[in-house]
Protein backbone atom coordinates (compact mmCIF):
# COMPACT_ATOMS: atom_id res chain seq x y z
CA MET A 1 77.28 124.33 120.20
CA ASP A 2 76.93 127.94 121.37
CA SER A 3 76.35 129.42 117.93
CA VAL A 4 76.04 128.36 114.33
CA PRO A 5 79.53 128.15 112.76
CA ASN A 6 80.20 129.99 109.51
CA LEU A 7 79.23 127.86 106.53
CA THR A 8 80.80 127.68 103.09
CA ILE A 9 79.66 125.08 100.57
CA GLN A 10 81.00 124.60 97.07
CA PHE A 11 78.49 122.50 95.18
CA PRO A 12 79.24 121.12 91.71
CA GLY A 13 77.88 123.27 88.93
CA LYS A 14 75.55 120.43 87.93
CA LEU A 15 74.58 117.14 89.59
CA VAL A 16 72.76 114.33 87.83
CA PHE A 17 71.64 111.33 89.93
CA GLY A 18 69.69 108.32 88.72
CA LYS A 19 69.80 104.78 87.43
CA GLY A 20 71.10 104.75 83.86
CA CYS A 21 71.96 108.45 83.80
CA LEU A 22 75.44 107.65 82.43
CA SER A 23 73.81 107.29 79.00
CA ALA A 24 73.22 111.06 78.94
CA LEU A 25 76.86 111.94 79.59
CA PRO A 26 78.07 111.80 75.94
CA ASP A 27 75.59 114.51 74.97
CA GLU A 28 76.79 116.54 77.97
CA LEU A 29 80.38 116.28 76.77
CA LEU A 30 79.44 117.27 73.24
CA ALA A 31 77.37 120.22 74.45
CA LEU A 32 80.47 121.52 76.23
CA GLN A 33 82.25 121.49 72.85
CA SER A 34 85.27 119.65 74.18
CA THR A 35 87.79 118.66 71.55
CA SER A 36 90.04 116.48 73.72
CA VAL A 37 88.98 114.40 76.72
CA TYR A 38 91.34 112.68 79.16
CA ILE A 39 89.59 109.84 80.99
CA VAL A 40 90.96 108.40 84.24
CA THR A 41 89.24 105.09 85.02
CA ILE A 42 89.89 101.41 85.80
CA THR A 43 90.08 98.44 83.46
CA PRO A 44 86.93 96.66 84.80
CA LEU A 45 84.84 99.69 83.76
CA LEU A 46 86.04 99.87 80.16
CA THR A 47 83.16 97.80 78.83
CA GLN A 48 80.58 99.93 80.63
CA ILE A 49 81.99 103.21 79.41
CA ASP A 50 82.68 102.04 75.83
CA PRO A 51 79.35 103.41 74.46
CA LEU A 52 80.26 106.82 75.86
CA VAL A 53 83.76 106.67 74.39
CA GLN A 54 82.55 105.60 70.96
CA LYS A 55 79.85 108.26 70.75
CA VAL A 56 82.18 111.15 71.52
CA LYS A 57 84.88 109.75 69.25
CA GLN A 58 82.37 109.56 66.38
CA ALA A 59 81.66 113.24 66.95
CA GLY A 60 85.34 114.00 66.38
CA VAL A 61 86.46 114.31 70.01
CA SER A 62 89.92 112.99 70.83
CA VAL A 63 89.80 110.53 73.76
CA THR A 64 92.71 109.25 75.86
CA ILE A 65 92.06 106.65 78.56
CA ASN A 66 94.38 106.01 81.51
CA THR A 67 93.79 102.95 83.73
CA LYS A 68 97.01 102.98 85.76
CA ILE A 69 95.52 104.02 89.12
CA ILE A 70 94.75 100.75 90.89
CA ASN A 71 95.57 101.29 94.58
CA GLU A 72 95.58 104.38 96.76
CA PRO A 73 97.67 106.78 94.67
CA THR A 74 101.08 108.08 95.62
CA PHE A 75 102.83 111.31 94.70
CA ALA A 76 104.87 109.27 92.22
CA ASP A 77 101.74 107.76 90.65
CA PHE A 78 100.33 111.21 90.10
CA GLU A 79 103.53 112.68 88.70
CA ASN A 80 103.88 109.77 86.25
CA LEU A 81 100.32 110.14 85.07
CA MET A 82 100.74 113.90 84.69
CA LEU A 83 103.54 113.35 82.18
CA GLU A 84 101.03 111.79 79.80
CA ALA A 85 98.24 114.22 80.58
CA ALA A 86 100.46 117.27 80.09
CA GLU A 87 101.63 116.02 76.70
CA ILE A 88 98.02 115.60 75.57
CA ASN A 89 96.85 118.80 77.28
CA PRO A 90 93.11 118.02 77.04
CA ASP A 91 90.41 120.63 77.59
CA MET A 92 88.31 118.17 79.63
CA VAL A 93 89.23 115.67 82.35
CA LEU A 94 86.72 112.92 83.14
CA GLY A 95 87.13 110.67 86.19
CA ILE A 96 85.08 107.46 86.30
CA GLY A 97 85.82 105.08 89.18
CA GLY A 98 86.35 104.87 92.90
CA GLY A 99 87.73 107.54 95.17
CA SER A 100 91.37 107.12 94.16
CA VAL A 101 90.53 107.53 90.49
CA LEU A 102 88.37 110.57 91.14
CA ASP A 103 91.01 112.18 93.36
CA ILE A 104 93.60 111.78 90.62
CA ALA A 105 91.25 113.11 87.93
CA LYS A 106 90.53 116.17 90.06
CA LEU A 107 94.23 116.85 90.57
CA VAL A 108 95.05 116.33 86.89
CA ALA A 109 92.44 118.91 85.90
CA ALA A 110 93.81 121.33 88.48
CA GLN A 111 97.49 120.87 87.66
CA LEU A 112 97.32 121.08 83.87
CA ASN A 113 98.71 124.50 82.88
CA ASN A 114 99.26 125.32 86.56
CA THR A 115 102.58 126.78 87.70
CA GLN A 116 102.11 125.41 91.24
CA SER A 117 103.91 122.16 92.01
CA LEU A 118 102.24 119.26 93.78
CA THR A 119 104.02 120.05 97.04
CA ASP A 120 102.88 123.68 96.72
CA ILE A 121 99.22 122.68 96.92
CA VAL A 122 99.31 120.12 99.77
CA GLY A 123 97.17 121.47 102.58
CA ILE A 124 94.03 123.55 102.91
CA GLY A 125 93.26 126.28 100.40
CA LEU A 126 96.68 126.39 98.74
CA LEU A 127 95.57 125.32 95.25
CA LYS A 128 94.68 128.59 93.51
CA GLN A 129 93.27 127.61 90.13
CA ARG A 130 91.90 125.03 87.72
CA ALA A 131 91.96 125.80 84.01
CA LYS A 132 90.42 122.58 82.69
CA LYS A 133 86.83 121.39 82.78
CA LEU A 134 86.21 118.51 85.19
CA ILE A 135 83.51 115.84 85.32
CA CYS A 136 83.41 113.09 87.95
CA VAL A 137 81.40 109.86 87.88
CA PRO A 138 81.66 107.60 90.96
CA ALA A 139 81.63 103.85 90.37
CA THR A 140 81.61 102.96 94.07
CA SER A 141 79.43 104.23 96.91
CA GLY A 142 81.97 105.37 99.42
CA THR A 143 84.36 108.28 99.23
CA GLY A 144 82.03 111.06 98.10
CA SER A 145 85.04 112.46 96.23
CA GLU A 146 82.79 113.36 93.31
CA VAL A 147 81.36 116.32 95.25
CA SER A 148 84.08 117.08 97.78
CA PRO A 149 86.93 119.62 97.62
CA ASN A 150 89.37 116.96 98.85
CA ALA A 151 92.00 114.73 97.24
CA ILE A 152 94.27 112.35 99.14
CA LEU A 153 97.71 111.12 98.09
CA VAL A 154 100.42 109.11 99.83
CA ASP A 155 103.65 111.11 99.96
CA ASN A 156 107.23 109.96 99.50
CA GLU A 157 107.50 109.25 103.24
CA ASN A 158 104.46 106.95 103.11
CA GLN A 159 102.17 109.47 104.83
CA LYS A 160 98.72 110.36 103.56
CA LYS A 161 98.43 114.01 102.60
CA GLY A 162 95.29 115.99 101.87
CA ILE A 163 94.82 118.64 99.20
CA ILE A 164 91.71 120.65 99.95
CA SER A 165 90.51 123.40 97.66
CA PRO A 166 87.25 124.61 96.09
CA TYR A 167 88.98 124.20 92.73
CA LEU A 168 88.81 120.43 93.22
CA VAL A 169 84.99 120.44 93.20
CA PRO A 170 83.95 119.18 89.74
CA ASP A 171 81.96 121.23 87.27
CA ILE A 172 79.58 118.36 86.60
CA VAL A 173 78.82 115.15 88.51
CA TYR A 174 76.92 112.10 87.26
CA VAL A 175 75.96 109.52 89.89
CA ASP A 176 74.62 106.36 88.24
CA PRO A 177 73.95 103.64 90.86
CA LEU A 178 73.97 101.01 88.10
CA LEU A 179 77.73 101.53 87.81
CA THR A 180 78.08 100.09 91.32
CA MET A 181 76.21 96.86 90.53
CA SER A 182 79.36 94.92 89.66
CA VAL A 183 81.37 96.08 92.68
CA PRO A 184 82.37 93.00 94.76
CA ALA A 185 80.75 92.49 98.16
CA SER A 186 83.93 93.21 100.12
CA ILE A 187 84.47 96.55 98.37
CA THR A 188 80.77 97.41 98.63
CA ALA A 189 80.99 96.82 102.38
CA ALA A 190 84.20 98.78 102.96
CA THR A 191 83.23 101.75 100.81
CA GLY A 192 79.71 101.85 102.23
CA LEU A 193 80.99 101.92 105.78
CA ASP A 194 83.45 104.64 104.74
CA ALA A 195 80.52 106.74 103.49
CA LEU A 196 78.65 106.06 106.72
CA THR A 197 81.71 107.25 108.65
CA HIS A 198 81.79 110.49 106.63
CA CYS A 199 78.23 111.21 107.68
CA LEU A 200 78.73 110.15 111.29
CA GLU A 201 81.92 112.15 111.79
CA ALA A 202 80.39 115.26 110.23
CA TYR A 203 77.30 114.95 112.42
CA THR A 204 79.26 114.57 115.67
CA ASN A 205 81.99 117.01 114.63
CA LYS A 206 83.27 119.75 116.90
CA PHE A 207 82.37 122.13 114.06
CA ALA A 208 79.06 120.49 113.11
CA GLN A 209 76.73 122.71 111.12
CA PRO A 210 72.91 122.43 111.21
CA MET A 211 72.52 122.43 107.43
CA ILE A 212 75.15 119.73 106.99
CA ASP A 213 73.55 117.77 109.84
CA MET A 214 70.56 117.23 107.55
CA TYR A 215 72.74 115.60 104.90
CA ALA A 216 74.68 113.64 107.51
CA PHE A 217 71.62 112.29 109.33
CA GLU A 218 69.88 111.21 106.13
CA GLY A 219 73.09 109.69 104.79
CA MET A 220 73.49 107.59 107.94
CA ARG A 221 69.85 106.51 107.74
CA LEU A 222 70.03 105.47 104.09
CA ILE A 223 73.30 103.57 104.37
CA ALA A 224 72.47 101.79 107.63
CA ALA A 225 69.12 100.65 106.24
CA ASN A 226 70.49 99.37 102.92
CA ILE A 227 74.18 98.47 103.17
CA THR A 228 73.64 94.88 104.29
CA GLN A 229 71.33 94.19 101.36
CA ALA A 230 73.68 95.90 98.90
CA VAL A 231 76.54 93.71 100.16
CA ASN A 232 74.64 90.44 100.27
CA ASN A 233 72.61 90.97 97.10
CA GLY A 234 74.61 93.21 94.82
CA ARG A 235 72.00 93.02 92.05
CA ASP A 236 69.41 94.79 94.20
CA GLU A 237 69.06 98.08 92.32
CA GLU A 238 67.06 99.78 95.07
CA ALA A 239 69.60 98.98 97.78
CA ARG A 240 72.42 100.12 95.50
CA THR A 241 70.57 103.35 94.74
CA GLN A 242 69.91 104.17 98.40
CA VAL A 243 73.52 103.52 99.39
CA ALA A 244 74.71 105.63 96.44
CA MET A 245 72.54 108.51 97.64
CA GLY A 246 73.87 108.08 101.18
CA SER A 247 77.42 108.18 99.86
CA LEU A 248 76.67 111.34 97.88
CA LEU A 249 75.26 113.01 100.98
CA GLY A 250 78.40 111.99 102.86
CA GLY A 251 80.47 113.67 100.16
CA PHE A 252 78.59 116.92 100.71
CA CYS A 253 79.62 116.75 104.37
CA LEU A 254 83.34 116.67 103.56
CA GLY A 255 83.89 120.23 102.43
CA PRO A 256 82.01 122.34 104.97
CA VAL A 257 82.66 120.11 108.02
CA ASN A 258 84.91 117.13 107.16
CA THR A 259 85.83 114.05 109.17
CA ALA A 260 87.59 113.65 112.52
CA GLY A 261 89.22 111.08 114.79
CA VAL A 262 88.23 107.90 112.95
CA HIS A 263 89.81 109.08 109.72
CA ALA A 264 92.89 110.49 111.45
CA LEU A 265 93.57 107.19 113.20
CA SER A 266 92.78 105.17 110.09
CA TYR A 267 95.41 106.87 107.93
CA PRO A 268 98.37 104.91 109.38
CA LEU A 269 96.56 101.64 108.65
CA GLY A 270 96.45 102.58 104.99
CA SER A 271 99.86 104.16 104.62
CA SER A 272 101.83 101.63 106.69
CA PHE A 273 99.88 98.42 106.08
CA HIS A 274 98.11 99.23 102.81
CA LEU A 275 94.66 98.42 104.12
CA PRO A 276 91.80 99.77 102.01
CA HIS A 277 90.63 103.11 103.34
CA GLY A 278 87.05 101.99 104.04
CA LEU A 279 88.21 98.90 105.90
CA SER A 280 90.57 101.01 108.03
CA ASN A 281 87.68 103.25 109.05
CA ALA A 282 85.39 100.31 109.83
CA LEU A 283 88.03 98.72 112.06
CA LEU A 284 88.25 101.85 114.22
CA LEU A 285 84.76 103.33 114.08
CA PRO A 286 83.18 101.58 117.11
CA TYR A 287 86.19 102.31 119.29
CA VAL A 288 86.42 106.00 118.44
CA MET A 289 82.65 106.26 119.00
CA LYS A 290 83.15 104.71 122.44
CA PHE A 291 85.90 107.24 123.18
CA ASN A 292 83.86 110.22 121.94
CA ILE A 293 80.45 109.55 123.48
CA PRO A 294 81.22 111.20 126.86
CA SER A 295 81.92 114.49 125.06
CA ALA A 296 78.99 114.43 122.61
CA THR A 297 76.41 112.13 124.18
CA ALA A 298 73.30 113.82 122.78
CA LYS A 299 74.71 113.87 119.25
CA TYR A 300 75.68 110.20 119.43
CA ALA A 301 72.18 109.38 120.66
CA GLN A 302 70.87 110.96 117.46
CA VAL A 303 73.39 108.90 115.50
CA ALA A 304 71.85 105.77 117.00
CA ILE A 305 68.38 106.94 115.94
CA ALA A 306 69.63 107.56 112.40
CA LEU A 307 71.10 104.05 112.37
CA GLY A 308 67.67 102.64 113.19
CA CYS A 309 67.99 102.05 116.93
CA GLU A 310 65.15 102.49 119.42
CA ARG A 311 65.61 105.31 121.90
CA GLY A 312 66.78 104.15 125.34
CA GLY A 313 66.12 105.52 128.78
CA SER A 314 68.86 108.14 128.45
CA ASP A 315 71.02 109.70 125.76
CA ASN A 316 73.97 107.61 126.92
CA GLU A 317 71.97 104.39 126.71
CA THR A 318 70.78 105.33 123.24
CA ALA A 319 74.28 106.28 122.13
CA GLN A 320 75.63 102.91 123.29
CA LYS A 321 73.01 101.22 121.09
CA GLY A 322 74.57 103.06 118.17
CA ILE A 323 77.91 101.37 118.82
CA GLU A 324 76.24 97.97 118.91
CA LYS A 325 74.42 98.76 115.66
CA ILE A 326 77.72 99.61 113.97
CA ARG A 327 79.19 96.33 115.23
CA GLN A 328 76.16 94.52 113.84
CA LEU A 329 76.52 96.15 110.42
CA ILE A 330 80.22 95.30 110.33
CA ALA A 331 79.42 91.67 111.11
CA GLU A 332 76.57 91.48 108.59
CA CYS A 333 78.82 92.94 105.90
CA GLY A 334 81.58 90.42 106.62
CA ILE A 335 84.13 93.10 107.53
CA PRO A 336 86.94 92.21 109.99
CA ALA A 337 86.20 93.66 113.40
CA ARG A 338 89.65 93.77 115.04
CA LEU A 339 93.12 94.97 114.10
CA ARG A 340 94.45 91.50 114.85
CA ASP A 341 92.08 90.11 112.21
CA VAL A 342 94.03 91.98 109.52
CA ASN A 343 97.46 91.04 110.90
CA ILE A 344 98.41 94.39 112.40
CA PRO A 345 101.16 93.63 114.94
CA THR A 346 100.71 95.03 118.45
CA GLU A 347 104.22 96.45 118.37
CA ALA A 348 103.10 98.77 115.54
CA ILE A 349 100.63 100.61 117.78
CA PRO A 350 103.04 103.25 119.18
CA GLN A 351 104.22 104.24 115.70
CA MET A 352 100.66 104.30 114.36
CA ALA A 353 99.66 106.59 117.22
CA GLU A 354 102.62 108.84 116.48
CA ASP A 355 101.68 109.02 112.80
CA ALA A 356 98.02 109.68 113.62
CA MET A 357 99.00 112.68 115.73
CA LYS A 358 100.32 114.33 112.55
CA ILE A 359 96.81 114.46 111.03
CA THR A 360 95.96 117.68 112.82
CA ARG A 361 93.57 118.91 110.11
CA LEU A 362 91.19 116.09 111.13
CA LEU A 363 92.05 115.67 114.81
CA LYS A 364 91.01 119.27 115.47
CA ASN A 365 87.47 118.35 114.39
CA ASN A 366 87.02 115.55 116.92
CA PRO A 367 84.45 116.28 119.65
CA ARG A 368 86.89 115.02 122.28
CA PRO A 369 90.62 115.84 122.11
CA ILE A 370 92.76 112.83 121.20
CA THR A 371 96.25 112.73 122.68
CA TYR A 372 99.03 110.32 121.79
CA ALA A 373 98.14 108.22 124.85
CA ASP A 374 94.47 108.23 123.82
CA ALA A 375 95.40 107.04 120.33
CA VAL A 376 97.42 104.19 121.81
CA ASP A 377 94.44 103.25 123.99
CA ILE A 378 92.00 103.34 121.06
CA TYR A 379 94.25 101.17 118.88
CA THR A 380 94.73 98.78 121.81
CA ASP A 381 90.98 98.62 122.39
CA ALA A 382 90.50 97.90 118.68
CA TYR A 383 93.08 95.14 118.77
């Protein structure tokens, strides 16, 4: 890197992190003098958020709860949900859940009373406003959506589309690691490795930034050291807390720097084969690392150190240890390691490569250019 790239960070107006901090959220809502709150969440969390709901209702606040977002959301899912939200027209939107739920909550808050259509805002910096207050509470340790300016939807042609805008950064964020305690091992593993990928791709990014490197390095360190325990012993509050912090740090990487080749190549796995986003990243991460190391050897050596590897005799040797460490974490977390393990047919590889080439907003960040032929080779290597 010849010079330090320009840096712009949009932090939430307020961030609260800590075990049990969710209990303070009702008072936060009441202090904001909201009269109507629209909550986007999932059914398994209803019991955990019931004390919050009851407290604000007793104070005279109208509460509407929507639990319809189950899988990665589509344009149609969002438009259907917006019909209800627009009729209610709340002054506060509260998202409590995984990345899909938070993405939808962010977009609802932005689109209420907005003359821009959904297609108008797809892309980078096209969303121009948000009139409603927005609070996000992650219930998984993975996407970092609670602090990022990003939201991802699947369009009508089954392609993932990104909406990136500072107006999608919440006003207030509560990160309570205790909310993640009931997350199943498989989801803990996939979302944790997704968060690790956020940090790793920001750190090795063509547009890496020294300040963000600090978040990225520490995020990798925390997740690598604790993800196996969080997966295998989900009641371990300390492991859950450390992974939650790592995920949060990964979220801070997404606005100023963002992800790169792993995420670009993973999108077709989600859109065409409906694989969970974190699993898609985990399947490809070692192979994209292998492809990238020749172009960013020193950075990938530091990745290996962050992951807990001993330094080797050269940067390349150290970097290769990082790949092996990722493979080890994937195995320890019980995540499939090959595309064939999740029934992706080999004949799908050319189309996946073609679709991946459309994700230019992420491909441009990769430390080594990825061509169509390279994408085919990486998918084949991952098979």
